[in-house]
N, C-alpha and C. Protein backbone atom coordinates (compact mmCIF):
# COMPACT_ATOMS: atom_id res chain seq x y z
N MET A 1 210.91 148.11 254.09
CA MET A 1 211.73 147.32 253.19
C MET A 1 210.89 146.72 252.05
N SER A 2 209.73 146.12 252.41
CA SER A 2 208.89 145.50 251.38
C SER A 2 208.29 146.56 250.45
N ASN A 3 208.07 147.79 250.96
CA ASN A 3 207.60 148.89 250.14
C ASN A 3 208.61 149.23 249.06
N LYS A 4 209.88 149.21 249.41
CA LYS A 4 210.96 149.53 248.49
C LYS A 4 211.06 148.45 247.41
N ILE A 5 210.91 147.18 247.79
CA ILE A 5 210.96 146.07 246.83
C ILE A 5 209.80 146.19 245.85
N THR A 6 208.62 146.51 246.35
CA THR A 6 207.44 146.67 245.49
C THR A 6 207.68 147.79 244.47
N GLN A 7 208.27 148.91 244.93
CA GLN A 7 208.54 150.03 244.01
C GLN A 7 209.54 149.64 242.94
N VAL A 8 210.56 148.88 243.31
CA VAL A 8 211.58 148.45 242.34
C VAL A 8 210.95 147.51 241.31
N VAL A 9 210.12 146.57 241.78
CA VAL A 9 209.46 145.63 240.86
C VAL A 9 208.54 146.38 239.91
N VAL A 10 207.74 147.30 240.42
CA VAL A 10 206.82 148.08 239.58
C VAL A 10 207.61 148.90 238.56
N ALA A 11 208.69 149.54 238.99
CA ALA A 11 209.53 150.33 238.09
C ALA A 11 210.11 149.44 236.99
N GLY A 12 210.55 148.26 237.36
CA GLY A 12 211.10 147.31 236.37
C GLY A 12 210.05 146.89 235.36
N LEU A 13 208.84 146.61 235.82
CA LEU A 13 207.76 146.23 234.91
C LEU A 13 207.39 147.36 233.96
N VAL A 14 207.39 148.59 234.48
CA VAL A 14 207.09 149.74 233.64
C VAL A 14 208.14 149.89 232.55
N ILE A 15 209.40 149.71 232.89
CA ILE A 15 210.49 149.82 231.91
C ILE A 15 210.33 148.75 230.83
N VAL A 16 210.05 147.51 231.25
CA VAL A 16 209.86 146.42 230.29
C VAL A 16 208.67 146.71 229.38
N LEU A 17 207.56 147.18 229.95
CA LEU A 17 206.37 147.49 229.17
C LEU A 17 206.64 148.60 228.15
N VAL A 18 207.33 149.64 228.57
CA VAL A 18 207.67 150.74 227.65
C VAL A 18 208.56 150.23 226.53
N TRP A 19 209.54 149.39 226.87
CA TRP A 19 210.42 148.84 225.83
C TRP A 19 209.62 148.01 224.84
N LEU A 20 208.72 147.16 225.35
CA LEU A 20 207.90 146.33 224.46
C LEU A 20 207.06 147.19 223.52
N LEU A 21 206.45 148.23 224.06
CA LEU A 21 205.60 149.09 223.25
C LEU A 21 206.38 149.84 222.18
N LEU A 22 207.60 150.25 222.48
CA LEU A 22 208.37 151.07 221.56
C LEU A 22 209.26 150.29 220.60
N PHE A 23 209.80 149.16 221.06
CA PHE A 23 210.86 148.53 220.27
C PHE A 23 210.60 147.09 219.83
N TRP A 24 209.69 146.38 220.46
CA TRP A 24 209.54 144.96 220.15
C TRP A 24 208.88 144.76 218.81
N GLU A 25 209.47 143.93 217.95
CA GLU A 25 208.92 143.59 216.65
C GLU A 25 208.79 142.07 216.58
N PRO A 26 207.63 141.52 216.88
CA PRO A 26 207.50 140.06 216.86
C PRO A 26 207.77 139.52 215.47
N GLY A 27 208.60 138.50 215.39
CA GLY A 27 208.92 137.88 214.11
C GLY A 27 209.91 138.68 213.29
N GLY A 28 210.51 139.73 213.85
CA GLY A 28 211.48 140.51 213.11
C GLY A 28 210.83 141.59 212.28
N SER A 29 211.63 142.36 211.58
CA SER A 29 211.11 143.51 210.85
C SER A 29 210.30 143.12 209.62
N ASP A 30 210.45 141.89 209.09
CA ASP A 30 209.67 141.46 207.92
C ASP A 30 208.22 141.16 208.26
N ALA A 31 207.92 140.96 209.56
CA ALA A 31 206.57 140.59 209.96
C ALA A 31 205.56 141.65 209.57
N GLU A 32 205.93 142.91 209.67
CA GLU A 32 204.99 143.98 209.36
C GLU A 32 204.53 143.93 207.92
N SER A 33 205.47 143.75 206.98
CA SER A 33 205.08 143.72 205.58
C SER A 33 204.25 142.49 205.26
N THR A 34 204.51 141.38 205.94
CA THR A 34 203.72 140.17 205.72
C THR A 34 202.30 140.38 206.22
N LEU A 35 202.16 140.99 207.37
CA LEU A 35 200.85 141.16 207.97
C LEU A 35 200.01 142.21 207.25
N THR A 36 200.64 143.22 206.69
CA THR A 36 199.88 144.28 206.05
C THR A 36 199.54 143.96 204.59
N ALA A 37 200.17 142.95 204.03
CA ALA A 37 199.86 142.58 202.66
C ALA A 37 198.48 141.92 202.61
N GLY A 38 197.57 142.50 201.86
CA GLY A 38 196.22 141.96 201.78
C GLY A 38 196.12 140.89 200.71
N PRO A 39 194.97 140.23 200.64
CA PRO A 39 194.78 139.22 199.61
C PRO A 39 194.75 139.86 198.23
N THR A 40 195.29 139.16 197.26
CA THR A 40 195.33 139.69 195.90
C THR A 40 194.19 139.16 195.04
N GLY A 41 193.64 138.01 195.43
CA GLY A 41 192.61 137.38 194.61
C GLY A 41 193.22 136.79 193.36
N GLY A 42 192.39 136.42 192.43
CA GLY A 42 192.89 135.87 191.17
C GLY A 42 192.16 134.60 190.77
N GLU A 43 192.61 134.05 189.67
CA GLU A 43 191.98 132.87 189.06
C GLU A 43 192.03 131.66 189.98
N PHE A 44 190.99 130.86 189.93
CA PHE A 44 190.97 129.58 190.62
C PHE A 44 190.35 128.55 189.70
N SER A 45 190.63 127.28 189.96
CA SER A 45 190.11 126.20 189.13
C SER A 45 189.58 125.11 190.05
N LEU A 46 188.25 124.97 190.06
CA LEU A 46 187.58 124.02 190.94
C LEU A 46 186.55 123.23 190.14
N GLN A 47 185.78 122.40 190.83
CA GLN A 47 184.74 121.59 190.18
C GLN A 47 183.41 121.77 190.89
N SER A 48 182.34 121.70 190.12
CA SER A 48 180.99 121.65 190.68
C SER A 48 180.31 120.42 190.09
N ALA A 49 179.11 120.13 190.56
CA ALA A 49 178.36 118.99 190.01
C ALA A 49 178.03 119.22 188.54
N ASP A 50 178.03 120.48 188.11
CA ASP A 50 177.70 120.80 186.72
C ASP A 50 178.91 121.11 185.85
N GLY A 51 180.11 120.86 186.38
CA GLY A 51 181.31 121.06 185.57
C GLY A 51 182.32 121.99 186.22
N PRO A 52 183.35 122.36 185.46
CA PRO A 52 184.43 123.19 186.01
C PRO A 52 183.93 124.57 186.46
N VAL A 53 184.56 125.08 187.50
CA VAL A 53 184.26 126.41 188.02
C VAL A 53 185.57 127.18 188.07
N THR A 54 185.67 128.21 187.24
CA THR A 54 186.83 129.09 187.25
C THR A 54 186.33 130.53 187.30
N LEU A 55 187.18 131.42 187.75
CA LEU A 55 186.80 132.83 187.78
C LEU A 55 186.56 133.34 186.36
N ASN A 56 187.34 132.84 185.40
CA ASN A 56 187.18 133.26 184.00
C ASN A 56 185.79 132.94 183.46
N ASN A 57 185.17 131.86 183.99
CA ASN A 57 183.81 131.50 183.54
C ASN A 57 182.81 132.63 183.78
N TYR A 58 183.12 133.50 184.75
CA TYR A 58 182.16 134.51 185.18
C TYR A 58 182.58 135.93 184.84
N ARG A 59 183.45 136.09 183.84
CA ARG A 59 183.79 137.44 183.38
C ARG A 59 182.51 138.13 182.94
N GLY A 60 182.37 139.39 183.34
CA GLY A 60 181.16 140.13 183.02
C GLY A 60 180.12 140.03 184.13
N LYS A 61 180.42 139.25 185.18
CA LYS A 61 179.54 139.16 186.34
C LYS A 61 180.31 139.53 187.59
N VAL A 62 179.59 140.03 188.58
CA VAL A 62 180.18 140.23 189.90
C VAL A 62 180.14 138.87 190.59
N VAL A 63 181.27 138.46 191.14
CA VAL A 63 181.36 137.15 191.81
C VAL A 63 181.47 137.37 193.31
N VAL A 64 180.64 136.66 194.04
CA VAL A 64 180.69 136.66 195.50
C VAL A 64 181.25 135.31 195.91
N LEU A 65 182.40 135.31 196.57
CA LEU A 65 183.13 134.08 196.88
C LEU A 65 183.19 133.87 198.39
N TYR A 66 182.94 132.63 198.81
CA TYR A 66 182.97 132.31 200.24
C TYR A 66 183.58 130.91 200.42
N PHE A 67 184.51 130.78 201.38
CA PHE A 67 185.13 129.49 201.69
C PHE A 67 184.54 128.94 202.97
N GLY A 68 184.17 127.67 202.97
CA GLY A 68 183.61 127.04 204.16
C GLY A 68 183.45 125.54 203.95
N TYR A 69 182.44 124.95 204.58
CA TYR A 69 182.15 123.53 204.38
C TYR A 69 180.73 123.24 204.85
N THR A 70 180.12 122.22 204.30
CA THR A 70 178.70 121.99 204.54
C THR A 70 178.39 121.47 205.94
N PHE A 71 179.37 120.87 206.60
CA PHE A 71 179.14 120.36 207.96
C PHE A 71 179.36 121.44 209.01
N CYS A 72 179.64 122.65 208.59
CA CYS A 72 179.85 123.78 209.50
C CYS A 72 178.56 124.01 210.29
N PRO A 73 178.65 124.04 211.61
CA PRO A 73 177.43 124.12 212.41
C PRO A 73 176.79 125.51 212.48
N ASP A 74 177.56 126.57 212.24
CA ASP A 74 176.98 127.89 212.49
C ASP A 74 177.42 128.98 211.52
N ILE A 75 178.71 129.19 211.33
CA ILE A 75 179.19 130.35 210.57
C ILE A 75 178.79 130.27 209.09
N CYS A 76 178.97 129.11 208.47
CA CYS A 76 178.62 128.99 207.05
C CYS A 76 177.12 129.17 206.81
N PRO A 77 176.26 128.46 207.55
CA PRO A 77 174.83 128.68 207.32
C PRO A 77 174.40 130.13 207.55
N THR A 78 175.00 130.77 208.56
CA THR A 78 174.67 132.17 208.83
C THR A 78 175.10 133.06 207.65
N SER A 79 176.33 132.86 207.19
CA SER A 79 176.84 133.69 206.08
C SER A 79 176.07 133.45 204.80
N LEU A 80 175.76 132.18 204.50
CA LEU A 80 175.02 131.88 203.27
C LEU A 80 173.57 132.35 203.36
N SER A 81 172.98 132.33 204.55
CA SER A 81 171.63 132.87 204.72
C SER A 81 171.62 134.38 204.47
N LEU A 82 172.63 135.06 204.99
CA LEU A 82 172.75 136.49 204.77
C LEU A 82 172.94 136.79 203.28
N LEU A 83 173.76 135.97 202.62
CA LEU A 83 173.97 136.15 201.18
C LEU A 83 172.67 135.91 200.43
N SER A 84 171.89 134.93 200.86
CA SER A 84 170.60 134.66 200.24
C SER A 84 169.67 135.86 200.35
N VAL A 85 169.62 136.46 201.53
CA VAL A 85 168.80 137.66 201.74
C VAL A 85 169.25 138.76 200.78
N THR A 86 170.57 138.93 200.68
CA THR A 86 171.13 139.96 199.79
C THR A 86 170.75 139.70 198.34
N LEU A 87 170.90 138.46 197.89
CA LEU A 87 170.59 138.12 196.50
C LEU A 87 169.10 138.30 196.22
N ASN A 88 168.26 138.00 197.20
CA ASN A 88 166.82 138.16 197.02
C ASN A 88 166.41 139.63 196.93
N GLU A 89 167.23 140.54 197.43
CA GLU A 89 166.93 141.97 197.35
C GLU A 89 167.28 142.56 195.99
N LEU A 90 168.08 141.84 195.21
CA LEU A 90 168.47 142.35 193.89
C LEU A 90 167.32 142.18 192.91
N SER A 91 167.25 143.08 191.95
CA SER A 91 166.25 142.94 190.89
C SER A 91 166.66 141.78 189.99
N ALA A 92 165.73 141.31 189.16
CA ALA A 92 166.03 140.20 188.24
C ALA A 92 167.19 140.58 187.31
N GLU A 93 167.22 141.82 186.87
CA GLU A 93 168.29 142.29 185.99
C GLU A 93 169.64 142.29 186.72
N GLU A 94 169.63 142.76 187.97
CA GLU A 94 170.87 142.77 188.76
C GLU A 94 171.35 141.35 189.04
N LEU A 95 170.40 140.47 189.35
CA LEU A 95 170.74 139.09 189.70
C LEU A 95 171.41 138.36 188.55
N GLN A 96 171.04 138.70 187.32
CA GLN A 96 171.67 138.08 186.14
C GLN A 96 173.15 138.44 186.04
N GLN A 97 173.55 139.50 186.72
CA GLN A 97 174.94 139.96 186.65
C GLN A 97 175.78 139.52 187.84
N VAL A 98 175.23 138.61 188.67
CA VAL A 98 175.91 138.19 189.90
C VAL A 98 176.00 136.67 189.95
N GLN A 99 177.15 136.16 190.36
CA GLN A 99 177.31 134.72 190.59
C GLN A 99 178.00 134.53 191.94
N ALA A 100 177.37 133.76 192.81
CA ALA A 100 177.98 133.43 194.11
C ALA A 100 178.58 132.03 194.03
N VAL A 101 179.75 131.87 194.64
CA VAL A 101 180.44 130.57 194.65
C VAL A 101 180.80 130.23 196.09
N PHE A 102 180.29 129.11 196.56
CA PHE A 102 180.61 128.57 197.89
C PHE A 102 181.64 127.47 197.69
N VAL A 103 182.87 127.71 198.18
CA VAL A 103 183.97 126.75 198.00
C VAL A 103 184.14 125.94 199.27
N SER A 104 183.98 124.63 199.15
CA SER A 104 184.20 123.76 200.30
C SER A 104 185.68 123.45 200.46
N VAL A 105 186.17 123.62 201.69
CA VAL A 105 187.56 123.27 202.01
C VAL A 105 187.60 121.87 202.62
N ASP A 106 186.49 121.13 202.48
CA ASP A 106 186.37 119.78 203.05
C ASP A 106 185.94 118.80 201.94
N PRO A 107 186.79 118.60 200.92
CA PRO A 107 186.37 117.77 199.79
C PRO A 107 186.18 116.29 200.14
N GLU A 108 186.74 115.86 201.26
CA GLU A 108 186.60 114.47 201.66
C GLU A 108 185.14 114.13 201.99
N ARG A 109 184.42 115.07 202.57
CA ARG A 109 183.02 114.82 202.92
C ARG A 109 182.05 115.52 201.98
N ASP A 110 182.44 116.64 201.43
CA ASP A 110 181.54 117.42 200.57
C ASP A 110 181.65 116.97 199.12
N THR A 111 180.82 116.00 198.76
CA THR A 111 180.79 115.56 197.37
C THR A 111 180.18 116.66 196.51
N LEU A 112 180.40 116.58 195.21
CA LEU A 112 179.89 117.62 194.30
C LEU A 112 178.36 117.68 194.33
N GLN A 113 177.71 116.53 194.37
CA GLN A 113 176.24 116.52 194.40
C GLN A 113 175.72 117.09 195.72
N HIS A 114 176.39 116.73 196.83
CA HIS A 114 175.98 117.26 198.13
C HIS A 114 176.15 118.78 198.17
N LEU A 115 177.25 119.27 197.59
CA LEU A 115 177.49 120.72 197.52
C LEU A 115 176.42 121.43 196.69
N LYS A 116 176.03 120.81 195.59
CA LYS A 116 174.99 121.41 194.74
C LYS A 116 173.68 121.55 195.51
N THR A 117 173.30 120.50 196.21
CA THR A 117 172.07 120.52 197.00
C THR A 117 172.15 121.56 198.11
N TYR A 118 173.28 121.55 198.83
CA TYR A 118 173.46 122.46 199.96
C TYR A 118 173.43 123.91 199.52
N ALA A 119 174.21 124.25 198.50
CA ALA A 119 174.27 125.64 198.02
C ALA A 119 172.92 126.07 197.47
N GLY A 120 172.25 125.19 196.72
CA GLY A 120 170.96 125.50 196.14
C GLY A 120 169.87 125.72 197.19
N TYR A 121 170.04 125.12 198.34
CA TYR A 121 169.09 125.32 199.42
C TYR A 121 169.03 126.80 199.81
N PHE A 122 170.17 127.48 199.76
CA PHE A 122 170.23 128.89 200.14
C PHE A 122 169.76 129.81 199.02
N HIS A 123 170.23 129.53 197.79
CA HIS A 123 169.81 130.36 196.66
C HIS A 123 170.23 129.70 195.35
N LYS A 124 169.41 129.88 194.32
CA LYS A 124 169.72 129.28 193.02
C LYS A 124 170.97 129.88 192.37
N ASN A 125 171.38 131.08 192.79
CA ASN A 125 172.57 131.72 192.22
C ASN A 125 173.84 131.42 193.01
N ILE A 126 173.79 130.45 193.91
CA ILE A 126 175.00 130.04 194.64
C ILE A 126 175.41 128.67 194.11
N ILE A 127 176.63 128.59 193.62
CA ILE A 127 177.19 127.33 193.13
C ILE A 127 178.10 126.75 194.22
N GLY A 128 177.96 125.47 194.48
CA GLY A 128 178.86 124.78 195.39
C GLY A 128 180.01 124.17 194.61
N ALA A 129 181.24 124.44 195.03
CA ALA A 129 182.41 123.95 194.31
C ALA A 129 183.48 123.49 195.28
N THR A 130 184.33 122.60 194.81
CA THR A 130 185.49 122.16 195.59
C THR A 130 186.52 121.63 194.60
N GLY A 131 187.56 121.02 195.09
CA GLY A 131 188.59 120.50 194.21
C GLY A 131 189.55 119.64 194.98
N SER A 132 190.70 119.41 194.39
CA SER A 132 191.75 118.67 195.09
C SER A 132 192.28 119.57 196.20
N ARG A 133 192.98 118.98 197.13
CA ARG A 133 193.56 119.77 198.22
C ARG A 133 194.48 120.86 197.65
N GLU A 134 195.23 120.55 196.59
CA GLU A 134 196.13 121.53 195.98
C GLU A 134 195.36 122.69 195.36
N GLU A 135 194.25 122.37 194.67
CA GLU A 135 193.44 123.42 194.04
C GLU A 135 192.79 124.32 195.09
N ILE A 136 192.30 123.69 196.15
CA ILE A 136 191.68 124.47 197.23
C ILE A 136 192.72 125.37 197.89
N ASP A 137 193.88 124.80 198.21
CA ASP A 137 194.93 125.58 198.88
C ASP A 137 195.41 126.75 198.03
N ALA A 138 195.47 126.55 196.71
CA ALA A 138 195.90 127.64 195.81
C ALA A 138 194.89 128.78 195.87
N ALA A 139 193.60 128.46 195.85
CA ALA A 139 192.56 129.50 195.91
C ALA A 139 192.55 130.18 197.28
N VAL A 140 192.65 129.39 198.33
CA VAL A 140 192.67 129.93 199.69
C VAL A 140 193.82 130.93 199.86
N LYS A 141 194.98 130.57 199.35
CA LYS A 141 196.15 131.44 199.48
C LYS A 141 195.96 132.76 198.73
N LYS A 142 195.43 132.70 197.53
CA LYS A 142 195.23 133.91 196.73
C LYS A 142 194.28 134.90 197.41
N TYR A 143 193.31 134.37 198.14
CA TYR A 143 192.30 135.24 198.74
C TYR A 143 192.57 135.54 200.21
N GLY A 144 193.72 135.09 200.71
CA GLY A 144 194.07 135.40 202.09
C GLY A 144 193.16 134.71 203.09
N ALA A 145 192.54 133.62 202.67
CA ALA A 145 191.67 132.85 203.57
C ALA A 145 192.53 131.82 204.29
N GLY A 146 191.90 131.02 205.13
CA GLY A 146 192.62 129.98 205.84
C GLY A 146 191.66 128.96 206.41
N TYR A 147 192.19 127.77 206.66
CA TYR A 147 191.39 126.74 207.30
C TYR A 147 192.32 125.76 208.01
N ASN A 148 191.75 125.05 208.97
CA ASN A 148 192.52 124.06 209.73
C ASN A 148 191.58 122.92 210.11
N ILE A 149 191.93 121.71 209.73
CA ILE A 149 191.12 120.54 210.06
C ILE A 149 191.42 120.14 211.50
N VAL A 150 190.37 120.07 212.31
CA VAL A 150 190.52 119.75 213.74
C VAL A 150 189.99 118.34 213.95
N LYS A 151 190.91 117.40 214.14
CA LYS A 151 190.55 115.98 214.31
C LYS A 151 189.99 115.73 215.70
N SER A 152 189.11 114.75 215.78
CA SER A 152 188.59 114.31 217.08
C SER A 152 188.94 112.83 217.24
N ASP A 153 188.46 112.21 218.30
CA ASP A 153 188.75 110.80 218.55
C ASP A 153 188.20 109.92 217.44
N ALA A 154 187.00 110.22 216.97
CA ALA A 154 186.42 109.45 215.86
C ALA A 154 186.97 110.01 214.56
N GLU A 155 187.56 109.15 213.75
CA GLU A 155 188.25 109.61 212.54
C GLU A 155 187.33 110.34 211.56
N ALA A 156 186.08 109.87 211.42
CA ALA A 156 185.16 110.50 210.47
C ALA A 156 184.54 111.77 211.03
N ASP A 157 184.67 111.98 212.33
CA ASP A 157 184.05 113.13 212.98
C ASP A 157 185.11 114.19 213.25
N TYR A 158 185.12 115.24 212.46
CA TYR A 158 186.08 116.32 212.66
C TYR A 158 185.42 117.62 212.25
N SER A 159 186.00 118.71 212.71
CA SER A 159 185.49 120.02 212.31
C SER A 159 186.59 120.75 211.54
N VAL A 160 186.23 121.83 210.94
CA VAL A 160 187.20 122.63 210.18
C VAL A 160 187.08 124.08 210.64
N ASP A 161 188.13 124.58 211.25
CA ASP A 161 188.19 126.00 211.56
C ASP A 161 188.52 126.72 210.26
N HIS A 162 187.82 127.80 209.98
CA HIS A 162 188.10 128.51 208.72
C HIS A 162 187.77 129.99 208.87
N THR A 163 188.40 130.79 208.03
CA THR A 163 188.08 132.21 208.00
C THR A 163 186.67 132.37 207.43
N SER A 164 186.08 133.48 207.71
CA SER A 164 184.68 133.66 207.29
C SER A 164 184.47 134.99 206.58
N TYR A 165 185.36 135.27 205.65
CA TYR A 165 185.22 136.49 204.85
C TYR A 165 184.35 136.23 203.63
N THR A 166 183.69 137.26 203.17
CA THR A 166 182.98 137.23 201.90
C THR A 166 183.75 138.12 200.95
N TYR A 167 184.16 137.54 199.82
CA TYR A 167 184.97 138.26 198.84
C TYR A 167 184.08 138.69 197.67
N ILE A 168 184.16 139.97 197.32
CA ILE A 168 183.39 140.51 196.21
C ILE A 168 184.37 140.85 195.09
N ILE A 169 184.16 140.23 193.93
CA ILE A 169 185.08 140.34 192.80
C ILE A 169 184.34 141.04 191.66
N ASP A 170 184.99 142.02 191.04
CA ASP A 170 184.30 142.79 190.00
C ASP A 170 184.20 142.01 188.68
N LYS A 171 183.56 142.62 187.70
CA LYS A 171 183.26 141.95 186.43
C LYS A 171 184.51 141.60 185.63
N SER A 172 185.63 142.25 185.93
CA SER A 172 186.87 141.94 185.23
C SER A 172 187.71 140.90 185.96
N GLY A 173 187.22 140.44 187.12
CA GLY A 173 187.94 139.40 187.87
C GLY A 173 188.85 139.93 188.96
N LYS A 174 188.72 141.22 189.28
CA LYS A 174 189.58 141.82 190.30
C LYS A 174 188.87 141.82 191.65
N LEU A 175 189.59 141.37 192.70
CA LEU A 175 189.05 141.40 194.05
C LEU A 175 188.89 142.84 194.48
N ARG A 176 187.66 143.22 194.86
CA ARG A 176 187.40 144.60 195.23
C ARG A 176 187.04 144.79 196.70
N PHE A 177 186.34 143.82 197.30
CA PHE A 177 185.93 143.95 198.70
C PHE A 177 186.15 142.64 199.44
N THR A 178 186.62 142.74 200.67
CA THR A 178 186.71 141.61 201.58
C THR A 178 185.90 141.99 202.81
N LEU A 179 184.73 141.35 202.96
CA LEU A 179 183.81 141.70 204.04
C LEU A 179 183.92 140.69 205.18
N VAL A 180 183.96 141.19 206.39
CA VAL A 180 184.09 140.32 207.56
C VAL A 180 182.76 139.65 207.88
N HIS A 181 182.85 138.55 208.61
CA HIS A 181 181.64 137.85 209.06
C HIS A 181 180.80 138.82 209.90
N GLY A 182 179.53 138.82 209.65
CA GLY A 182 178.66 139.73 210.39
C GLY A 182 178.38 141.03 209.66
N ALA A 183 178.98 141.21 208.47
CA ALA A 183 178.65 142.39 207.68
C ALA A 183 177.16 142.32 207.35
N SER A 184 176.50 143.45 207.37
CA SER A 184 175.04 143.47 207.16
C SER A 184 174.70 143.17 205.71
N ALA A 185 173.46 142.73 205.49
CA ALA A 185 172.97 142.50 204.13
C ALA A 185 173.05 143.78 203.32
N ASP A 186 172.82 144.91 203.97
CA ASP A 186 172.91 146.21 203.30
C ASP A 186 174.33 146.48 202.81
N GLU A 187 175.31 146.16 203.66
CA GLU A 187 176.71 146.36 203.29
C GLU A 187 177.10 145.46 202.12
N VAL A 188 176.64 144.22 202.15
CA VAL A 188 176.95 143.28 201.07
C VAL A 188 176.29 143.75 199.77
N SER A 189 175.01 144.14 199.84
CA SER A 189 174.32 144.56 198.62
C SER A 189 174.91 145.86 198.07
N LYS A 190 175.30 146.78 198.93
CA LYS A 190 175.96 148.02 198.45
C LYS A 190 177.26 147.69 197.74
N SER A 191 178.04 146.75 198.29
CA SER A 191 179.31 146.35 197.64
C SER A 191 179.05 145.75 196.28
N ILE A 192 178.06 144.87 196.19
CA ILE A 192 177.73 144.24 194.92
C ILE A 192 177.23 145.27 193.92
N ARG A 193 176.28 146.10 194.36
CA ARG A 193 175.67 147.07 193.43
C ARG A 193 176.68 148.10 192.94
N SER A 194 177.68 148.41 193.75
CA SER A 194 178.68 149.38 193.30
C SER A 194 179.49 148.86 192.13
N LEU A 195 179.45 147.55 191.90
CA LEU A 195 180.24 146.94 190.80
C LEU A 195 179.39 146.54 189.61
N LEU A 196 178.07 146.70 189.70
CA LEU A 196 177.20 146.30 188.59
C LEU A 196 177.23 147.31 187.45
């Protein structure tokens, strides 16, 4: 008797699993188009310690864009160190054609002067920038990035979960590459050099 019950339960689970695999569309049929739509990139308007930072300011240069924050314990320093290695591999002539921008999604703690010092620690061609929450959110949305402020018991002590893509934008301002965290320095430099 218990053998028969086990067979019926297993058969039922198999039917449910097959149905899920063939027919289930989480979030309805519109979910697929939302998920497959990639970031479009585009103009942004932020501030640095040395003045306004917009994509238009860097027409004629390849722009490397990264969203993060200076209090990030691991992912941001790793990504910016990798970017520094990549920039150091470029010739002086190539380097003149590249501008890296580190955008802080934590403007409450990342002052413009602190961002300048932090970004400059990694490389002289990395500018630290941020803006109002609205300006940051507009840029984040255009590039398909994301972040979430994670509060702790102490109000001043919080972390920020964020995406860790490196965006490579061509000289005309068009987003050309979105590289995942952990992409090699070789992959980053090949992407940059292909646009020089």
